[in-house]
C-alpha cells in the first residue's frame, strides 16, 4: 500500500510533538516553546510538505532544531489519510506505508 499523508497542527499532533523521544533531548523550556510556536499554525493543514516547510521554517530556525528533530516534528504532525495523494520519492515512485506492510 502506498503512503498517503497530510500534515496538520492539532491538539493530537501537538501532543505527539511534546512526547517524541527525539525531542526529549531539548530542554523542557525549548520543547514547550516549540509547541507554543506550532500552536500559532493551528489552522495549518495540507498535503504539500514543501509548501508547509516554508511556513514552518521560522519556527524550526528559532529553536535551532537538528535535521533529526525536524523530521521528528514532521512525523508527529503527519496524519494518515486514504483520500490524499500518494507520497512519492525523488524519482516519482510511490513510497510504501510502513504501517500497512504485511509481516
PDB file of N, CA and C in Angstrom:
ATOM      1  N   UNK A   1       0.840  -1.179   0.000  1.00  0.00           N
ATOM      2  CA  UNK A   1       0.000   0.000   0.000  1.00  0.00           C
ATOM      3  C   UNK A   1       0.890   1.248   0.000  1.00  0.00           C
ATOM      4  N   UNK A   2       0.559   2.220  -0.807  1.00  0.00           N
ATOM      5  CA  UNK A   2       1.364   3.442  -0.849  1.00  0.00           C
ATOM      6  C   UNK A   2       1.093   4.344   0.354  1.00  0.00           C
ATOM      7  N   UNK A   3       2.071   5.151   0.651  1.00  0.00           N
ATOM      8  CA  UNK A   3       1.986   6.092   1.763  1.00  0.00           C
ATOM      9  C   UNK A   3       1.135   7.293   1.357  1.00  0.00           C
ATOM     10  N   UNK A   4       0.158   7.610   2.173  1.00  0.00           N
ATOM     11  CA  UNK A   4      -0.720   8.763   1.936  1.00  0.00           C
ATOM     12  C   UNK A   4      -0.803   9.550   3.244  1.00  0.00           C
ATOM     13  N   UNK A   5      -0.268  10.769   3.216  1.00  0.00           N
ATOM     14  CA  UNK A   5      -0.212  11.595   4.420  1.00  0.00           C
ATOM     15  C   UNK A   5      -0.697  13.003   4.144  1.00  0.00           C
ATOM     16  N   UNK A   6      -1.177  13.616   5.202  1.00  0.00           N
ATOM     17  CA  UNK A   6      -1.359  15.068   5.229  1.00  0.00           C
ATOM     18  C   UNK A   6      -0.737  15.519   6.542  1.00  0.00           C
ATOM     19  N   UNK A   7      -0.306  16.734   6.591  1.00  0.00           N
ATOM     20  CA  UNK A   7       0.306  17.277   7.804  1.00  0.00           C
ATOM     21  C   UNK A   7      -0.610  18.352   8.351  1.00  0.00           C
ATOM     22  N   UNK A   8      -0.820  18.302   9.673  1.00  0.00           N
ATOM     23  CA  UNK A   8      -1.698  19.288  10.290  1.00  0.00           C
ATOM     24  C   UNK A   8      -1.255  19.548  11.719  1.00  0.00           C
ATOM     25  N   UNK A   9      -1.616  20.717  12.192  1.00  0.00           N
ATOM     26  CA  UNK A   9      -1.329  21.100  13.570  1.00  0.00           C
ATOM     27  C   UNK A   9      -2.649  21.061  14.334  1.00  0.00           C
ATOM     28  N   UNK A  10      -2.782  20.043  15.185  1.00  0.00           N
ATOM     29  CA  UNK A  10      -3.974  19.866  16.014  1.00  0.00           C
ATOM     30  C   UNK A  10      -3.512  19.542  17.430  1.00  0.00           C
ATOM     31  N   UNK A  11      -4.444  19.456  18.345  1.00  0.00           N
ATOM     32  CA  UNK A  11      -4.087  19.083  19.721  1.00  0.00           C
ATOM     33  C   UNK A  11      -3.419  17.709  19.759  1.00  0.00           C
ATOM     34  N   UNK A  12      -3.914  16.782  18.949  1.00  0.00           N
ATOM     35  CA  UNK A  12      -3.337  15.434  18.922  1.00  0.00           C
ATOM     36  C   UNK A  12      -1.909  15.440  18.384  1.00  0.00           C
ATOM     37  N   UNK A  13      -1.690  16.165  17.284  1.00  0.00           N
ATOM     38  CA  UNK A  13      -0.344  16.180  16.720  1.00  0.00           C
ATOM     39  C   UNK A  13       0.621  16.967  17.614  1.00  0.00           C
ATOM     40  N   UNK A  14       0.127  18.004  18.278  1.00  0.00           N
ATOM     41  CA  UNK A  14       0.980  18.745  19.212  1.00  0.00           C
ATOM     42  C   UNK A  14       1.358  17.882  20.412  1.00  0.00           C
ATOM     43  N   UNK A  15       0.440  17.035  20.860  1.00  0.00           N
ATOM     44  CA  UNK A  15       0.756  16.109  21.942  1.00  0.00           C
ATOM     45  C   UNK A  15       1.819  15.116  21.496  1.00  0.00           C
ATOM     46  N   UNK A  16       1.758  14.682  20.233  1.00  0.00           N
ATOM     47  CA  UNK A  16       2.779  13.781  19.701  1.00  0.00           C
ATOM     48  C   UNK A  16       4.136  14.472  19.632  1.00  0.00           C
ATOM     49  N   UNK A  17       4.154  15.751  19.299  1.00  0.00           N
ATOM     50  CA  UNK A  17       5.407  16.512  19.285  1.00  0.00           C
ATOM     51  C   UNK A  17       5.990  16.575  20.692  1.00  0.00           C
ATOM     52  N   UNK A  18       5.143  16.861  21.667  1.00  0.00           N
ATOM     53  CA  UNK A  18       5.604  17.017  23.049  1.00  0.00           C
ATOM     54  C   UNK A  18       6.151  15.716  23.625  1.00  0.00           C
ATOM     55  N   UNK A  19       5.648  14.583  23.158  1.00  0.00           N
ATOM     56  CA  UNK A  19       6.067  13.306  23.742  1.00  0.00           C
ATOM     57  C   UNK A  19       7.094  12.556  22.908  1.00  0.00           C
ATOM     58  N   UNK A  20       7.565  13.134  21.817  1.00  0.00           N
ATOM     59  CA  UNK A  20       8.513  12.433  20.949  1.00  0.00           C
ATOM     60  C   UNK A  20       9.866  12.253  21.620  1.00  0.00           C
ATOM     61  N   UNK A  21      10.423  11.053  21.508  1.00  0.00           N
ATOM     62  CA  UNK A  21      11.721  10.748  22.149  1.00  0.00           C
ATOM     63  C   UNK A  21      12.875  11.554  21.564  1.00  0.00           C
ATOM     64  N   UNK A  22      12.832  11.805  20.258  1.00  0.00           N
ATOM     65  CA  UNK A  22      13.926  12.543  19.623  1.00  0.00           C
ATOM     66  C   UNK A  22      13.970  13.996  20.088  1.00  0.00           C
ATOM     67  N   UNK A  23      12.835  14.494  20.530  1.00  0.00           N
ATOM     68  CA  UNK A  23      12.783  15.871  21.023  1.00  0.00           C
ATOM     69  C   UNK A  23      13.019  15.941  22.526  1.00  0.00           C
ATOM     70  N   UNK A  24      13.130  14.793  23.167  1.00  0.00           N
ATOM     71  CA  UNK A  24      13.345  14.760  24.617  1.00  0.00           C
ATOM     72  C   UNK A  24      14.705  15.338  25.001  1.00  0.00           C
ATOM     73  N   UNK A  25      15.655  15.378  24.055  1.00  0.00           N
ATOM     74  CA  UNK A  25      16.976  15.945  24.345  1.00  0.00           C
ATOM     75  C   UNK A  25      16.943  17.463  24.487  1.00  0.00           C
ATOM     76  N   UNK A  26      15.872  18.068  23.975  1.00  0.00           N
ATOM     77  CA  UNK A  26      15.718  19.512  24.139  1.00  0.00           C
ATOM     78  C   UNK A  26      15.347  19.773  25.593  1.00  0.00           C
ATOM     79  N   UNK A  27      15.747  20.922  26.111  1.00  0.00           N
ATOM     80  CA  UNK A  27      15.311  21.218  27.477  1.00  0.00           C
ATOM     81  C   UNK A  27      13.807  21.505  27.463  1.00  0.00           C
ATOM     82  N   UNK A  28      13.199  21.384  28.614  1.00  0.00           N
ATOM     83  CA  UNK A  28      11.738  21.496  28.713  1.00  0.00           C
ATOM     84  C   UNK A  28      11.226  22.842  28.208  1.00  0.00           C
ATOM     85  N   UNK A  29      11.971  23.893  28.504  1.00  0.00           N
ATOM     86  CA  UNK A  29      11.545  25.236  28.089  1.00  0.00           C
ATOM     87  C   UNK A  29      11.537  25.346  26.561  1.00  0.00           C
ATOM     88  N   UNK A  30      12.571  24.822  25.911  1.00  0.00           N
ATOM     89  CA  UNK A  30      12.633  24.883  24.452  1.00  0.00           C
ATOM     90  C   UNK A  30      11.552  24.013  23.815  1.00  0.00           C
ATOM     91  N   UNK A  31      11.305  22.828  24.372  1.00  0.00           N
ATOM     92  CA  UNK A  31      10.272  21.940  23.831  1.00  0.00           C
ATOM     93  C   UNK A  31       8.887  22.580  23.978  1.00  0.00           C
ATOM     94  N   UNK A  32       8.632  23.209  25.134  1.00  0.00           N
ATOM     95  CA  UNK A  32       7.358  23.905  25.323  1.00  0.00           C
ATOM     96  C   UNK A  32       7.253  25.104  24.383  1.00  0.00           C
ATOM     97  N   UNK A  33       8.365  25.799  24.177  1.00  0.00           N
ATOM     98  CA  UNK A  33       8.375  26.931  23.246  1.00  0.00           C
ATOM     99  C   UNK A  33       8.087  26.489  21.827  1.00  0.00           C
ATOM    100  N   UNK A  34       8.638  25.347  21.441  1.00  0.00           N
ATOM    101  CA  UNK A  34       8.371  24.798  20.110  1.00  0.00           C
ATOM    102  C   UNK A  34       6.885  24.484  19.963  1.00  0.00           C
ATOM    103  N   UNK A  35       6.331  23.882  20.985  1.00  0.00           N
ATOM    104  CA  UNK A  35       4.902  23.543  20.953  1.00  0.00           C
ATOM    105  C   UNK A  35       4.058  24.811  20.842  1.00  0.00           C
ATOM    106  N   UNK A  36       4.387  25.819  21.615  1.00  0.00           N
ATOM    107  CA  UNK A  36       3.652  27.090  21.557  1.00  0.00           C
ATOM    108  C   UNK A  36       3.839  27.742  20.188  1.00  0.00           C
ATOM    109  N   UNK A  37       5.051  27.665  19.649  1.00  0.00           N
ATOM    110  CA  UNK A  37       5.296  28.214  18.314  1.00  0.00           C
ATOM    111  C   UNK A  37       4.445  27.531  17.258  1.00  0.00           C
ATOM    112  N   UNK A  38       4.260  26.231  17.389  1.00  0.00           N
ATOM    113  CA  UNK A  38       3.436  25.497  16.433  1.00  0.00           C
ATOM    114  C   UNK A  38       1.954  25.786  16.607  1.00  0.00           C
ATOM    115  N   UNK A  39       1.535  26.128  17.841  1.00  0.00           N
ATOM    116  CA  UNK A  39       0.128  26.465  18.086  1.00  0.00           C
ATOM    117  C   UNK A  39      -0.289  27.649  17.217  1.00  0.00           C
ATOM    118  N   UNK A  40       0.642  28.534  16.926  1.00  0.00           N
ATOM    119  CA  UNK A  40       0.344  29.668  16.062  1.00  0.00           C
ATOM    120  C   UNK A  40      -0.056  29.259  14.655  1.00  0.00           C
ATOM    121  N   UNK A  41       0.188  28.001  14.314  1.00  0.00           N
ATOM    122  CA  UNK A  41      -0.172  27.473  12.996  1.00  0.00           C
ATOM    123  C   UNK A  41      -1.307  26.451  13.112  1.00  0.00           C
ATOM    124  N   UNK A  42      -2.182  26.643  14.085  1.00  0.00           N
ATOM    125  CA  UNK A  42      -3.244  25.684  14.375  1.00  0.00           C
ATOM    126  C   UNK A  42      -4.163  25.446  13.182  1.00  0.00           C
ATOM    127  N   UNK A  43      -4.274  26.396  12.276  1.00  0.00           N
ATOM    128  CA  UNK A  43      -5.128  26.196  11.110  1.00  0.00           C
ATOM    129  C   UNK A  43      -4.360  25.604   9.938  1.00  0.00           C
ATOM    130  N   UNK A  44      -3.089  25.281  10.164  1.00  0.00           N
ATOM    131  CA  UNK A  44      -2.240  24.757   9.103  1.00  0.00           C
ATOM    132  C   UNK A  44      -2.568  23.296   8.826  1.00  0.00           C
ATOM    133  N   UNK A  45      -2.833  22.983   7.591  1.00  0.00           N
ATOM    134  CA  UNK A  45      -3.104  21.620   7.175  1.00  0.00           C
ATOM    135  C   UNK A  45      -2.858  21.544   5.679  1.00  0.00           C
ATOM    136  N   UNK A  46      -2.304  20.428   5.239  1.00  0.00           N
ATOM    137  CA  UNK A  46      -2.094  20.287   3.809  1.00  0.00           C
ATOM    138  C   UNK A  46      -1.356  19.026   3.446  1.00  0.00           C
ATOM    139  N   UNK A  47      -1.289  18.776   2.139  1.00  0.00           N
ATOM    140  CA  UNK A  47      -0.622  17.592   1.629  1.00  0.00           C
ATOM    141  C   UNK A  47       0.713  17.912   0.969  1.00  0.00           C
ATOM    142  N   UNK A  48       1.025  19.182   0.780  1.00  0.00           N
ATOM    143  CA  UNK A  48       2.287  19.584   0.158  1.00  0.00           C
ATOM    144  C   UNK A  48       3.285  19.947   1.251  1.00  0.00           C
ATOM    145  N   UNK A  49       4.157  18.984   1.581  1.00  0.00           N
ATOM    146  CA  UNK A  49       5.104  19.193   2.674  1.00  0.00           C
ATOM    147  C   UNK A  49       6.046  20.355   2.380  1.00  0.00           C
ATOM    148  N   UNK A  50       6.461  20.521   1.141  1.00  0.00           N
ATOM    149  CA  UNK A  50       7.385  21.601   0.800  1.00  0.00           C
ATOM    150  C   UNK A  50       6.764  22.968   1.063  1.00  0.00           C
ATOM    151  N   UNK A  51       5.507  23.137   0.715  1.00  0.00           N
ATOM    152  CA  UNK A  51       4.833  24.418   0.964  1.00  0.00           C
ATOM    153  C   UNK A  51       4.674  24.656   2.458  1.00  0.00           C
ATOM    154  N   UNK A  52       4.369  23.599   3.203  1.00  0.00           N
ATOM    155  CA  UNK A  52       4.247  23.738   4.651  1.00  0.00           C
ATOM    156  C   UNK A  52       5.601  24.008   5.295  1.00  0.00           C
ATOM    157  N   UNK A  53       6.656  23.434   4.731  1.00  0.00           N
ATOM    158  CA  UNK A  53       8.006  23.635   5.278  1.00  0.00           C
ATOM    159  C   UNK A  53       8.415  25.098   5.211  1.00  0.00           C
ATOM    160  N   UNK A  54       8.003  25.779   4.166  1.00  0.00           N
ATOM    161  CA  UNK A  54       8.310  27.209   4.042  1.00  0.00           C
ATOM    162  C   UNK A  54       7.658  27.991   5.182  1.00  0.00           C
ATOM    163  N   UNK A  55       6.430  27.608   5.519  1.00  0.00           N
ATOM    164  CA  UNK A  55       5.711  28.301   6.590  1.00  0.00           C
ATOM    165  C   UNK A  55       6.283  27.979   7.968  1.00  0.00           C
ATOM    166  N   UNK A  56       6.737  26.736   8.162  1.00  0.00           N
ATOM    167  CA  UNK A  56       7.237  26.322   9.477  1.00  0.00           C
ATOM    168  C   UNK A  56       8.731  26.567   9.666  1.00  0.00           C
ATOM    169  N   UNK A  57       9.443  26.934   8.623  1.00  0.00           N
ATOM    170  CA  UNK A  57      10.888  27.154   8.710  1.00  0.00           C
ATOM    171  C   UNK A  57      11.278  28.152   9.806  1.00  0.00           C
ATOM    172  N   UNK A  58      10.555  29.259   9.977  1.00  0.00           N
ATOM    173  CA  UNK A  58      10.936  30.188  11.048  1.00  0.00           C
ATOM    174  C   UNK A  58      10.853  29.565  12.442  1.00  0.00           C
ATOM    175  N   UNK A  59       9.870  28.699  12.658  1.00  0.00           N
ATOM    176  CA  UNK A  59       9.725  28.039  13.964  1.00  0.00           C
ATOM    177  C   UNK A  59      10.893  27.098  14.185  1.00  0.00           C
ATOM    178  N   UNK A  60      11.242  26.313  13.163  1.00  0.00           N
ATOM    179  CA  UNK A  60      12.366  25.383  13.282  1.00  0.00           C
ATOM    180  C   UNK A  60      13.669  26.144  13.523  1.00  0.00           C
ATOM    181  N   UNK A  61      13.854  27.239  12.806  1.00  0.00           N
ATOM    182  CA  UNK A  61      15.084  28.022  12.947  1.00  0.00           C
ATOM    183  C   UNK A  61      15.164  28.688  14.319  1.00  0.00           C
ATOM    184  N   UNK A  62      14.044  29.133  14.838  1.00  0.00           N
ATOM    185  CA  UNK A  62      14.027  29.815  16.132  1.00  0.00           C
ATOM    186  C   UNK A  62      14.567  28.915  17.237  1.00  0.00           C
ATOM    187  N   UNK A  63      14.297  27.623  17.155  1.00  0.00           N
ATOM    188  CA  UNK A  63      14.724  26.700  18.205  1.00  0.00           C
ATOM    189  C   UNK A  63      15.953  25.900  17.821  1.00  0.00           C
ATOM    190  N   UNK A  64      16.538  26.168  16.657  1.00  0.00           N
ATOM    191  CA  UNK A  64      17.772  25.524  16.241  1.00  0.00           C
ATOM    192  C   UNK A  64      17.666  24.004  16.191  1.00  0.00           C
ATOM    193  N   UNK A  65      16.577  23.510  15.624  1.00  0.00           N
ATOM    194  CA  UNK A  65      16.372  22.075  15.561  1.00  0.00           C
ATOM    195  C   UNK A  65      17.370  21.410  14.611  1.00  0.00           C
ATOM    196  N   UNK A  66      17.826  20.243  15.007  1.00  0.00           N
ATOM    197  CA  UNK A  66      18.664  19.447  14.116  1.00  0.00           C
ATOM    198  C   UNK A  66      17.773  18.821  13.052  1.00  0.00           C
ATOM    199  N   UNK A  67      18.386  18.224  12.030  1.00  0.00           N
ATOM    200  CA  UNK A  67      17.610  17.579  10.974  1.00  0.00           C
ATOM    201  C   UNK A  67      16.762  16.434  11.561  1.00  0.00           C
ATOM    202  N   UNK A  68      17.333  15.671  12.486  1.00  0.00           N
ATOM    203  CA  UNK A  68      16.597  14.574  13.111  1.00  0.00           C
ATOM    204  C   UNK A  68      15.408  15.104  13.913  1.00  0.00           C
ATOM    205  N   UNK A  69      15.589  16.221  14.594  1.00  0.00           N
ATOM    206  CA  UNK A  69      14.491  16.801  15.362  1.00  0.00           C
ATOM    207  C   UNK A  69      13.404  17.351  14.436  1.00  0.00           C
ATOM    208  N   UNK A  70      13.814  17.970  13.324  1.00  0.00           N
ATOM    209  CA  UNK A  70      12.821  18.444  12.355  1.00  0.00           C
ATOM    210  C   UNK A  70      12.016  17.280  11.803  1.00  0.00           C
ATOM    211  N   UNK A  71      12.695  16.184  11.480  1.00  0.00           N
ATOM    212  CA  UNK A  71      11.994  15.007  10.968  1.00  0.00           C
ATOM    213  C   UNK A  71      11.040  14.439  12.013  1.00  0.00           C
ATOM    214  N   UNK A  72      11.433  14.498  13.279  1.00  0.00           N
ATOM    215  CA  UNK A  72      10.554  14.030  14.351  1.00  0.00           C
ATOM    216  C   UNK A  72       9.293  14.893  14.419  1.00  0.00           C
ATOM    217  N   UNK A  73       9.445  16.200  14.243  1.00  0.00           N
ATOM    218  CA  UNK A  73       8.276  17.093  14.242  1.00  0.00           C
ATOM    219  C   UNK A  73       7.382  16.769  13.050  1.00  0.00           C
ATOM    220  N   UNK A  74       7.980  16.586  11.869  1.00  0.00           N
ATOM    221  CA  UNK A  74       7.183  16.241  10.690  1.00  0.00           C
ATOM    222  C   UNK A  74       6.445  14.927  10.895  1.00  0.00           C
ATOM    223  N   UNK A  75       7.119  13.932  11.487  1.00  0.00           N
ATOM    224  CA  UNK A  75       6.461  12.645  11.752  1.00  0.00           C
ATOM    225  C   UNK A  75       5.300  12.809  12.725  1.00  0.00           C
ATOM    226  N   UNK A  76       5.471  13.665  13.722  1.00  0.00           N
ATOM    227  CA  UNK A  76       4.404  13.879  14.704  1.00  0.00           C
ATOM    228  C   UNK A  76       3.219  14.624  14.092  1.00  0.00           C
ATOM    229  N   UNK A  77       3.480  15.507  13.143  1.00  0.00           N
ATOM    230  CA  UNK A  77       2.409  16.281  12.508  1.00  0.00           C
ATOM    231  C   UNK A  77       1.700  15.510  11.404  1.00  0.00           C
ATOM    232  N   UNK A  78       2.256  14.351  11.008  1.00  0.00           N
ATOM    233  CA  UNK A  78       1.691  13.567   9.909  1.00  0.00           C
ATOM    234  C   UNK A  78       0.465  12.785  10.359  1.00  0.00           C
ATOM    235  N   UNK A  79      -0.532  12.785   9.494  1.00  0.00           N
ATOM    236  CA  UNK A  79      -1.773  12.050   9.732  1.00  0.00           C
ATOM    237  C   UNK A  79      -2.047  11.223   8.481  1.00  0.00           C
ATOM    238  N   UNK A  80      -2.261   9.937   8.667  1.00  0.00           N
ATOM    239  CA  UNK A  80      -2.584   9.083   7.520  1.00  0.00           C
ATOM    240  C   UNK A  80      -4.002   9.377   7.052  1.00  0.00           C
ATOM    241  N   UNK A  81      -4.138   9.524   5.726  1.00  0.00           N
ATOM    242  CA  UNK A  81      -5.435   9.857   5.144  1.00  0.00           C
ATOM    243  C   UNK A  81      -5.543   9.173   3.781  1.00  0.00           C
ATOM    244  N   UNK A  82      -6.435   8.201   3.635  1.00  0.00           N
ATOM    245  CA  UNK A  82      -6.545   7.482   2.366  1.00  0.00           C
ATOM    246  C   UNK A  82      -7.060   8.338   1.210  1.00  0.00           C
ATOM    247  N   UNK A  83      -7.544   9.524   1.498  1.00  0.00           N
ATOM    248  CA  UNK A  83      -8.074  10.404   0.463  1.00  0.00           C
ATOM    249  C   UNK A  83      -7.021  11.350  -0.120  1.00  0.00           C
ATOM    250  N   UNK A  84      -5.819  11.372   0.451  1.00  0.00           N
ATOM    251  CA  UNK A  84      -4.778  12.293  -0.012  1.00  0.00           C
ATOM    252  C   UNK A  84      -3.959  11.664  -1.131  1.00  0.00           C
ATOM    253  N   UNK A  85      -3.223  12.472  -1.878  1.00  0.00           N
ATOM    254  CA  UNK A  85      -2.368  11.932  -2.940  1.00  0.00           C
ATOM    255  C   UNK A  85      -1.260  11.039  -2.359  1.00  0.00           C
ATOM    256  N   UNK A  86      -0.763  10.156  -3.176  1.00  0.00           N
ATOM    257  CA  UNK A  86       0.310   9.242  -2.789  1.00  0.00           C
ATOM    258  C   UNK A  86       1.611  10.027  -2.648  1.00  0.00           C
ATOM    259  N   UNK A  87       2.368   9.727  -1.585  1.00  0.00           N
ATOM    260  CA  UNK A  87       3.673  10.350  -1.371  1.00  0.00           C
ATOM    261  C   UNK A  87       4.687   9.600  -2.234  1.00  0.00           C
ATOM    262  N   UNK A  88       5.501  10.349  -2.985  1.00  0.00           N
ATOM    263  CA  UNK A  88       6.485   9.731  -3.864  1.00  0.00           C
ATOM    264  C   UNK A  88       7.895  10.140  -3.475  1.00  0.00           C
ATOM    265  N   UNK A  89       8.864   9.366  -3.963  1.00  0.00           N
ATOM    266  CA  UNK A  89      10.264   9.722  -3.745  1.00  0.00           C
ATOM    267  C   UNK A  89      10.702  10.701  -4.828  1.00  0.00           C
ATOM    268  N   UNK A  90      11.984  10.996  -4.868  1.00  0.00           N
ATOM    269  CA  UNK A  90      12.506  11.989  -5.833  1.00  0.00           C
ATOM    270  C   UNK A  90      12.307  11.560  -7.282  1.00  0.00           C
ATOM    271  N   UNK A  91      12.256  10.259  -7.500  1.00  0.00           N
ATOM    272  CA  UNK A  91      12.090   9.743  -8.860  1.00  0.00           C
ATOM    273  C   UNK A  91      10.629   9.590  -9.259  1.00  0.00           C
ATOM    274  N   UNK A  92       9.722   9.892  -8.334  1.00  0.00           N
ATOM    275  CA  UNK A  92       8.311   9.790  -8.625  1.00  0.00           C
ATOM    276  C   UNK A  92       7.705   8.434  -8.302  1.00  0.00           C
ATOM    277  N   UNK A  93       8.479   7.548  -7.687  1.00  0.00           N
ATOM    278  CA  UNK A  93       7.960   6.233  -7.304  1.00  0.00           C
ATOM    279  C   UNK A  93       7.206   6.357  -5.980  1.00  0.00           C
ATOM    280  N   UNK A  94       6.060   5.682  -5.859  1.00  0.00           N
ATOM    281  CA  UNK A  94       5.292   5.736  -4.612  1.00  0.00           C
ATOM    282  C   UNK A  94       6.081   5.128  -3.448  1.00  0.00           C
ATOM    283  N   UNK A  95       6.025   5.780  -2.302  1.00  0.00           N
ATOM    284  CA  UNK A  95       6.649   5.248  -1.095  1.00  0.00           C
ATOM    285  C   UNK A  95       5.673   4.303  -0.400  1.00  0.00           C
ATOM    286  N   UNK A  96       6.169   3.195   0.152  1.00  0.00           N
ATOM    287  CA  UNK A  96       5.270   2.288   0.859  1.00  0.00           C
ATOM    288  C   UNK A  96       4.931   2.821   2.253  1.00  0.00           C
ATOM    289  N   UNK A  97       3.755   2.491   2.719  1.00  0.00           N
ATOM    290  CA  UNK A  97       3.362   2.861   4.081  1.00  0.00           C
ATOM    291  C   UNK A  97       3.866   1.771   5.021  1.00  0.00           C
ATOM    292  N   UNK A  98       4.825   2.083   5.891  1.00  0.00           N
ATOM    293  CA  UNK A  98       5.401   1.042   6.746  1.00  0.00           C
ATOM    294  C   UNK A  98       4.407   0.420   7.724  1.00  0.00           C
ATOM    295  N   UNK A  99       3.321   1.118   8.025  1.00  0.00           N
ATOM    296  CA  UNK A  99       2.327   0.581   8.956  1.00  0.00           C
ATOM    297  C   UNK A  99       1.348  -0.377   8.277  1.00  0.00           C
ATOM    298  N   UNK A 100       1.349  -0.395   6.956  1.00  0.00           N
ATOM    299  CA  UNK A 100       0.421  -1.259   6.231  1.00  0.00           C
ATOM    300  C   UNK A 100       1.121  -2.441   5.560  1.00  0.00           C
ATOM    301  N   UNK A 101       2.378  -2.666   5.873  1.00  0.00           N
ATOM    302  CA  UNK A 101       3.106  -3.786   5.282  1.00  0.00           C
ATOM    303  C   UNK A 101       2.655  -5.096   5.920  1.00  0.00           C
ATOM    304  N   UNK A 102       2.667  -6.139   5.096  1.00  0.00           N
ATOM    305  CA  UNK A 102       2.394  -7.481   5.617  1.00  0.00           C
ATOM    306  C   UNK A 102       3.668  -8.029   6.225  1.00  0.00           C
ATOM    307  N   UNK A 103       3.546  -8.670   7.373  1.00  0.00           N
ATOM    308  CA  UNK A 103       4.724  -9.248   8.020  1.00  0.00           C
ATOM    309  C   UNK A 103       4.641 -10.743   7.981  1.00  0.00           C
TER     310      UNK A 103
END
